[in-house]
N, C-alpha and C. Protein backbone atom coordinates (compact mmCIF):
# COMPACT_ATOMS: atom_id res chain seq x y z
N GLN A 1 -6.26 24.19 9.55
CA GLN A 1 -5.40 23.00 9.38
C GLN A 1 -6.25 21.74 9.44
N MET A 2 -6.03 20.83 8.50
CA MET A 2 -6.89 19.66 8.37
C MET A 2 -6.51 18.52 9.30
N GLY A 3 -5.26 18.47 9.72
CA GLY A 3 -4.80 17.32 10.49
C GLY A 3 -4.51 16.16 9.55
N THR A 4 -3.85 15.16 10.09
CA THR A 4 -3.53 13.99 9.28
C THR A 4 -4.69 13.01 9.34
N ARG A 5 -4.63 12.02 8.48
CA ARG A 5 -5.63 10.95 8.48
C ARG A 5 -5.73 10.33 9.87
N GLU A 6 -4.58 10.05 10.49
CA GLU A 6 -4.56 9.42 11.81
C GLU A 6 -5.26 10.30 12.85
N GLU A 7 -4.97 11.60 12.78
CA GLU A 7 -5.60 12.53 13.72
C GLU A 7 -7.11 12.57 13.53
N ARG A 8 -7.54 12.62 12.26
CA ARG A 8 -8.99 12.65 12.00
C ARG A 8 -9.66 11.37 12.50
N MET A 9 -9.01 10.22 12.26
CA MET A 9 -9.59 8.94 12.67
C MET A 9 -9.70 8.86 14.20
N LEU A 10 -8.79 9.51 14.89
CA LEU A 10 -8.82 9.54 16.35
C LEU A 10 -9.89 10.53 16.83
N LEU A 11 -9.89 11.72 16.24
CA LEU A 11 -10.81 12.78 16.66
C LEU A 11 -12.27 12.44 16.41
N VAL A 12 -12.52 11.67 15.36
CA VAL A 12 -13.90 11.33 15.01
C VAL A 12 -14.54 10.44 16.10
N ARG A 13 -13.68 9.83 16.92
CA ARG A 13 -14.18 9.00 18.03
C ARG A 13 -14.13 9.74 19.37
N ASP A 14 -13.81 11.02 19.32
CA ASP A 14 -13.71 11.81 20.55
C ASP A 14 -15.08 11.88 21.24
N SER A 15 -15.06 11.84 22.58
CA SER A 15 -16.34 11.89 23.31
C SER A 15 -16.98 13.28 23.24
N ASN A 16 -16.19 14.29 22.90
CA ASN A 16 -16.74 15.63 22.70
C ASN A 16 -17.38 15.68 21.30
N ARG A 17 -18.70 15.84 21.27
CA ARG A 17 -19.44 15.78 20.01
C ARG A 17 -18.98 16.83 19.00
N LEU A 18 -18.60 18.01 19.52
CA LEU A 18 -18.16 19.09 18.66
C LEU A 18 -16.85 18.72 17.95
N VAL A 19 -15.95 18.13 18.72
CA VAL A 19 -14.65 17.70 18.17
C VAL A 19 -14.88 16.62 17.11
N ALA A 20 -15.67 15.62 17.45
CA ALA A 20 -15.94 14.50 16.54
C ALA A 20 -16.62 14.97 15.26
N SER A 21 -17.63 15.84 15.40
CA SER A 21 -18.34 16.28 14.19
C SER A 21 -17.49 17.20 13.33
N SER A 22 -16.60 17.98 13.95
CA SER A 22 -15.68 18.81 13.16
C SER A 22 -14.71 17.93 12.38
N ALA A 23 -14.26 16.86 13.02
CA ALA A 23 -13.32 15.94 12.36
C ALA A 23 -13.97 15.29 11.15
N VAL A 24 -15.21 14.83 11.29
CA VAL A 24 -15.86 14.14 10.17
C VAL A 24 -16.21 15.11 9.04
N ARG A 25 -16.36 16.38 9.38
CA ARG A 25 -16.67 17.40 8.36
C ARG A 25 -15.41 18.01 7.74
N SER A 26 -14.25 17.56 8.18
CA SER A 26 -12.99 18.12 7.70
C SER A 26 -12.89 18.00 6.18
N PRO A 27 -12.45 19.08 5.51
CA PRO A 27 -12.29 19.02 4.05
C PRO A 27 -11.25 17.97 3.63
N GLY A 28 -10.40 17.58 4.54
CA GLY A 28 -9.38 16.58 4.21
C GLY A 28 -9.88 15.15 4.28
N MET A 29 -11.09 14.96 4.78
CA MET A 29 -11.65 13.62 4.95
C MET A 29 -11.76 12.89 3.61
N GLN A 30 -11.24 11.68 3.57
CA GLN A 30 -11.23 10.88 2.33
C GLN A 30 -12.29 9.79 2.40
N GLU A 31 -12.72 9.32 1.24
CA GLU A 31 -13.71 8.24 1.19
C GLU A 31 -13.23 7.00 1.96
N SER A 32 -11.94 6.68 1.83
CA SER A 32 -11.41 5.50 2.52
C SER A 32 -11.57 5.62 4.05
N GLU A 33 -11.46 6.85 4.55
CA GLU A 33 -11.64 7.08 5.99
C GLU A 33 -13.10 6.91 6.37
N VAL A 34 -13.99 7.44 5.52
CA VAL A 34 -15.43 7.35 5.79
C VAL A 34 -15.87 5.89 5.77
N VAL A 35 -15.28 5.09 4.88
CA VAL A 35 -15.57 3.65 4.83
C VAL A 35 -15.21 3.00 6.17
N LEU A 36 -14.03 3.34 6.69
CA LEU A 36 -13.59 2.77 7.98
C LEU A 36 -14.49 3.25 9.13
N ILE A 37 -14.82 4.52 9.12
CA ILE A 37 -15.66 5.09 10.18
C ILE A 37 -17.02 4.41 10.20
N THR A 38 -17.64 4.25 9.03
CA THR A 38 -18.99 3.67 8.98
C THR A 38 -18.98 2.19 9.32
N ARG A 39 -17.81 1.55 9.19
CA ARG A 39 -17.70 0.13 9.54
C ARG A 39 -17.52 -0.05 11.05
N ASN A 40 -17.07 1.02 11.73
CA ASN A 40 -16.76 0.97 13.15
C ASN A 40 -18.04 0.94 13.99
N GLN A 41 -18.21 -0.13 14.77
CA GLN A 41 -19.43 -0.28 15.56
C GLN A 41 -19.41 0.56 16.85
N ASN A 42 -18.27 1.20 17.13
CA ASN A 42 -18.19 2.03 18.33
C ASN A 42 -18.30 3.52 18.03
N ILE A 43 -18.78 3.83 16.85
CA ILE A 43 -18.86 5.24 16.45
C ILE A 43 -20.24 5.78 16.85
N SER A 44 -20.31 7.05 17.17
CA SER A 44 -21.60 7.59 17.65
C SER A 44 -22.59 7.77 16.50
N ASP A 45 -23.87 7.70 16.85
CA ASP A 45 -24.93 7.89 15.85
C ASP A 45 -24.86 9.29 15.25
N ASP A 46 -24.37 10.26 16.03
CA ASP A 46 -24.21 11.63 15.50
C ASP A 46 -23.33 11.64 14.26
N ILE A 47 -22.19 10.96 14.37
CA ILE A 47 -21.22 10.94 13.28
C ILE A 47 -21.82 10.21 12.08
N LEU A 48 -22.51 9.11 12.34
CA LEU A 48 -23.13 8.35 11.24
C LEU A 48 -24.23 9.17 10.57
N ARG A 49 -24.93 9.97 11.37
CA ARG A 49 -25.98 10.83 10.81
C ARG A 49 -25.36 11.90 9.91
N ILE A 50 -24.24 12.48 10.35
CA ILE A 50 -23.56 13.50 9.53
C ILE A 50 -23.12 12.89 8.20
N ILE A 51 -22.52 11.71 8.27
CA ILE A 51 -22.05 11.04 7.04
C ILE A 51 -23.22 10.75 6.11
N SER A 52 -24.33 10.27 6.70
CA SER A 52 -25.49 9.90 5.88
C SER A 52 -26.19 11.11 5.27
N SER A 53 -25.89 12.30 5.78
CA SER A 53 -26.51 13.49 5.20
C SER A 53 -25.53 14.27 4.34
N THR A 54 -24.41 13.63 3.99
CA THR A 54 -23.42 14.25 3.12
C THR A 54 -23.47 13.56 1.76
N PRO A 55 -24.07 14.22 0.75
CA PRO A 55 -24.26 13.59 -0.55
C PRO A 55 -22.97 12.98 -1.14
N GLU A 56 -21.86 13.66 -0.91
CA GLU A 56 -20.58 13.18 -1.44
C GLU A 56 -20.27 11.77 -0.94
N TRP A 57 -20.54 11.48 0.33
CA TRP A 57 -20.22 10.16 0.89
C TRP A 57 -21.24 9.11 0.46
N LEU A 58 -22.46 9.55 0.17
CA LEU A 58 -23.48 8.58 -0.25
C LEU A 58 -23.32 8.14 -1.70
N LYS A 59 -22.36 8.73 -2.39
CA LYS A 59 -22.06 8.26 -3.75
C LYS A 59 -21.37 6.90 -3.65
N SER A 60 -20.77 6.62 -2.52
CA SER A 60 -20.04 5.37 -2.33
C SER A 60 -20.98 4.26 -1.88
N TYR A 61 -21.05 3.20 -2.68
CA TYR A 61 -21.90 2.05 -2.32
C TYR A 61 -21.45 1.44 -0.99
N THR A 62 -20.15 1.34 -0.79
CA THR A 62 -19.62 0.74 0.44
C THR A 62 -20.05 1.53 1.67
N VAL A 63 -20.04 2.84 1.57
CA VAL A 63 -20.47 3.69 2.68
C VAL A 63 -21.95 3.42 2.98
N LYS A 64 -22.78 3.36 1.94
CA LYS A 64 -24.21 3.10 2.14
C LYS A 64 -24.42 1.74 2.80
N ARG A 65 -23.73 0.73 2.30
CA ARG A 65 -23.87 -0.61 2.87
C ARG A 65 -23.42 -0.63 4.33
N ASN A 66 -22.28 0.01 4.62
CA ASN A 66 -21.78 0.06 6.00
C ASN A 66 -22.77 0.77 6.92
N LEU A 67 -23.38 1.84 6.43
CA LEU A 67 -24.36 2.58 7.24
C LEU A 67 -25.55 1.68 7.58
N VAL A 68 -26.03 0.93 6.60
CA VAL A 68 -27.16 0.03 6.84
C VAL A 68 -26.77 -1.05 7.85
N GLU A 69 -25.55 -1.57 7.73
CA GLU A 69 -25.11 -2.68 8.58
C GLU A 69 -24.65 -2.25 9.97
N ASN A 70 -24.44 -0.94 10.18
CA ASN A 70 -23.96 -0.47 11.49
C ASN A 70 -25.15 -0.28 12.43
N PRO A 71 -25.17 -0.99 13.56
CA PRO A 71 -26.32 -0.89 14.48
C PRO A 71 -26.49 0.50 15.09
N HIS A 72 -25.47 1.35 15.01
CA HIS A 72 -25.58 2.70 15.57
C HIS A 72 -26.14 3.73 14.58
N THR A 73 -26.28 3.34 13.33
CA THR A 73 -26.89 4.25 12.35
C THR A 73 -28.35 4.46 12.75
N PRO A 74 -28.80 5.71 12.79
CA PRO A 74 -30.21 5.94 13.13
C PRO A 74 -31.13 5.10 12.22
N VAL A 75 -32.13 4.46 12.83
CA VAL A 75 -33.00 3.53 12.13
C VAL A 75 -33.61 4.12 10.86
N MET A 76 -34.10 5.35 10.94
CA MET A 76 -34.72 5.98 9.77
C MET A 76 -33.73 6.09 8.61
N VAL A 77 -32.50 6.40 8.93
CA VAL A 77 -31.45 6.54 7.91
C VAL A 77 -31.18 5.18 7.27
N ALA A 78 -30.98 4.16 8.12
CA ALA A 78 -30.68 2.81 7.62
C ALA A 78 -31.83 2.28 6.75
N GLN A 79 -33.06 2.50 7.20
CA GLN A 79 -34.22 2.03 6.44
C GLN A 79 -34.29 2.70 5.07
N ARG A 80 -33.95 3.97 5.02
CA ARG A 80 -33.98 4.70 3.75
C ARG A 80 -32.92 4.16 2.78
N LEU A 81 -31.75 3.81 3.34
CA LEU A 81 -30.64 3.36 2.49
C LEU A 81 -30.79 1.90 2.04
N VAL A 82 -31.58 1.13 2.77
CA VAL A 82 -31.79 -0.29 2.44
C VAL A 82 -32.19 -0.44 0.97
N GLU A 83 -33.04 0.46 0.51
CA GLU A 83 -33.57 0.37 -0.85
C GLU A 83 -32.49 0.49 -1.92
N GLN A 84 -31.32 0.98 -1.54
CA GLN A 84 -30.26 1.17 -2.53
C GLN A 84 -29.25 0.03 -2.53
N LEU A 85 -29.50 -0.99 -1.70
CA LEU A 85 -28.54 -2.10 -1.62
C LEU A 85 -28.79 -3.15 -2.70
N ARG A 86 -27.72 -3.83 -3.05
CA ARG A 86 -27.81 -4.95 -3.99
C ARG A 86 -28.50 -6.11 -3.30
N GLU A 87 -29.06 -7.00 -4.10
CA GLU A 87 -29.82 -8.11 -3.56
C GLU A 87 -29.00 -8.98 -2.59
N SER A 88 -27.75 -9.26 -2.95
CA SER A 88 -26.91 -10.10 -2.08
C SER A 88 -26.72 -9.45 -0.70
N ASP A 89 -26.55 -8.13 -0.69
CA ASP A 89 -26.39 -7.41 0.59
C ASP A 89 -27.71 -7.34 1.35
N LEU A 90 -28.81 -7.18 0.62
CA LEU A 90 -30.12 -7.17 1.26
C LEU A 90 -30.36 -8.49 1.99
N ARG A 91 -29.99 -9.60 1.34
CA ARG A 91 -30.15 -10.92 1.97
C ARG A 91 -29.36 -11.01 3.27
N LYS A 92 -28.11 -10.49 3.22
CA LYS A 92 -27.26 -10.50 4.42
C LYS A 92 -27.89 -9.69 5.54
N VAL A 93 -28.38 -8.50 5.20
CA VAL A 93 -28.98 -7.61 6.20
C VAL A 93 -30.25 -8.25 6.77
N ALA A 94 -31.04 -8.89 5.92
CA ALA A 94 -32.28 -9.53 6.37
C ALA A 94 -32.01 -10.62 7.41
N LYS A 95 -30.83 -11.24 7.34
CA LYS A 95 -30.49 -12.33 8.27
C LYS A 95 -29.57 -11.87 9.40
N SER A 96 -29.02 -10.67 9.29
CA SER A 96 -27.99 -10.21 10.23
C SER A 96 -28.51 -10.03 11.66
N LYS A 97 -27.71 -10.49 12.60
CA LYS A 97 -28.04 -10.31 14.03
C LYS A 97 -27.51 -8.94 14.50
N ASN A 98 -26.69 -8.30 13.69
CA ASN A 98 -26.10 -7.01 14.08
C ASN A 98 -27.03 -5.82 13.88
N VAL A 99 -27.92 -5.92 12.93
CA VAL A 99 -28.78 -4.76 12.65
C VAL A 99 -30.04 -4.83 13.51
N THR A 100 -30.71 -3.70 13.68
CA THR A 100 -31.93 -3.67 14.49
C THR A 100 -33.08 -4.32 13.72
N GLY A 101 -34.09 -4.75 14.46
CA GLY A 101 -35.27 -5.39 13.89
C GLY A 101 -35.90 -4.62 12.74
N PRO A 102 -36.14 -3.31 12.93
CA PRO A 102 -36.78 -2.54 11.85
C PRO A 102 -35.95 -2.51 10.57
N VAL A 103 -34.63 -2.54 10.70
CA VAL A 103 -33.77 -2.53 9.51
C VAL A 103 -33.83 -3.90 8.81
N GLN A 104 -33.82 -4.97 9.61
CA GLN A 104 -33.99 -6.32 9.06
C GLN A 104 -35.30 -6.40 8.30
N GLU A 105 -36.36 -5.90 8.94
CA GLU A 105 -37.69 -5.91 8.33
C GLU A 105 -37.70 -5.16 7.00
N ALA A 106 -37.08 -4.00 7.00
CA ALA A 106 -37.04 -3.18 5.78
C ALA A 106 -36.33 -3.96 4.66
N ALA A 107 -35.26 -4.66 5.01
CA ALA A 107 -34.52 -5.45 4.02
C ALA A 107 -35.40 -6.57 3.48
N ARG A 108 -36.13 -7.25 4.38
CA ARG A 108 -37.02 -8.35 3.95
C ARG A 108 -38.13 -7.82 3.05
N ARG A 109 -38.73 -6.71 3.46
CA ARG A 109 -39.81 -6.12 2.65
C ARG A 109 -39.30 -5.76 1.27
N HIS A 110 -38.12 -5.19 1.23
CA HIS A 110 -37.56 -4.78 -0.06
C HIS A 110 -37.25 -5.99 -0.95
N LEU A 111 -36.76 -7.05 -0.35
CA LEU A 111 -36.51 -8.28 -1.11
C LEU A 111 -37.81 -8.82 -1.69
N ASP A 112 -38.85 -8.84 -0.88
CA ASP A 112 -40.16 -9.30 -1.35
C ASP A 112 -40.66 -8.46 -2.51
N ARG A 113 -40.51 -7.17 -2.37
CA ARG A 113 -40.97 -6.24 -3.42
C ARG A 113 -40.24 -6.52 -4.73
N ARG A 114 -38.97 -6.83 -4.66
CA ARG A 114 -38.19 -7.09 -5.88
C ARG A 114 -38.60 -8.38 -6.57
N LYS A 115 -39.12 -9.32 -5.78
CA LYS A 115 -39.55 -10.61 -6.35
C LYS A 115 -40.79 -10.47 -7.20
N HIS A 116 -41.67 -9.53 -6.81
CA HIS A 116 -42.97 -9.41 -7.48
C HIS A 116 -42.93 -8.52 -8.69
């Protein structure tokens, strides 16, 4: 049983990692839910790592941008995704106080590379 959207959105924030990761891997999970999850700054890095390693979710530009902008996304993941952002979003990330230093740096480096 997949549960409803509301149940999945609740379970994905469960403190039990097994429950949360099962919820995010649910076949019923929709892109709109993943967009909300990746925007949530209180979501665990485990869940963000699962989303970032699911090719289906990385087809969504919004999901990629949210992952880069979420301070809980593992740094290596965010740095890898920076390269796929549009210039306007890269500028935002380069100036953002929400992202970690290494992610800001990656955005700046990428902007510089595009100029040359």
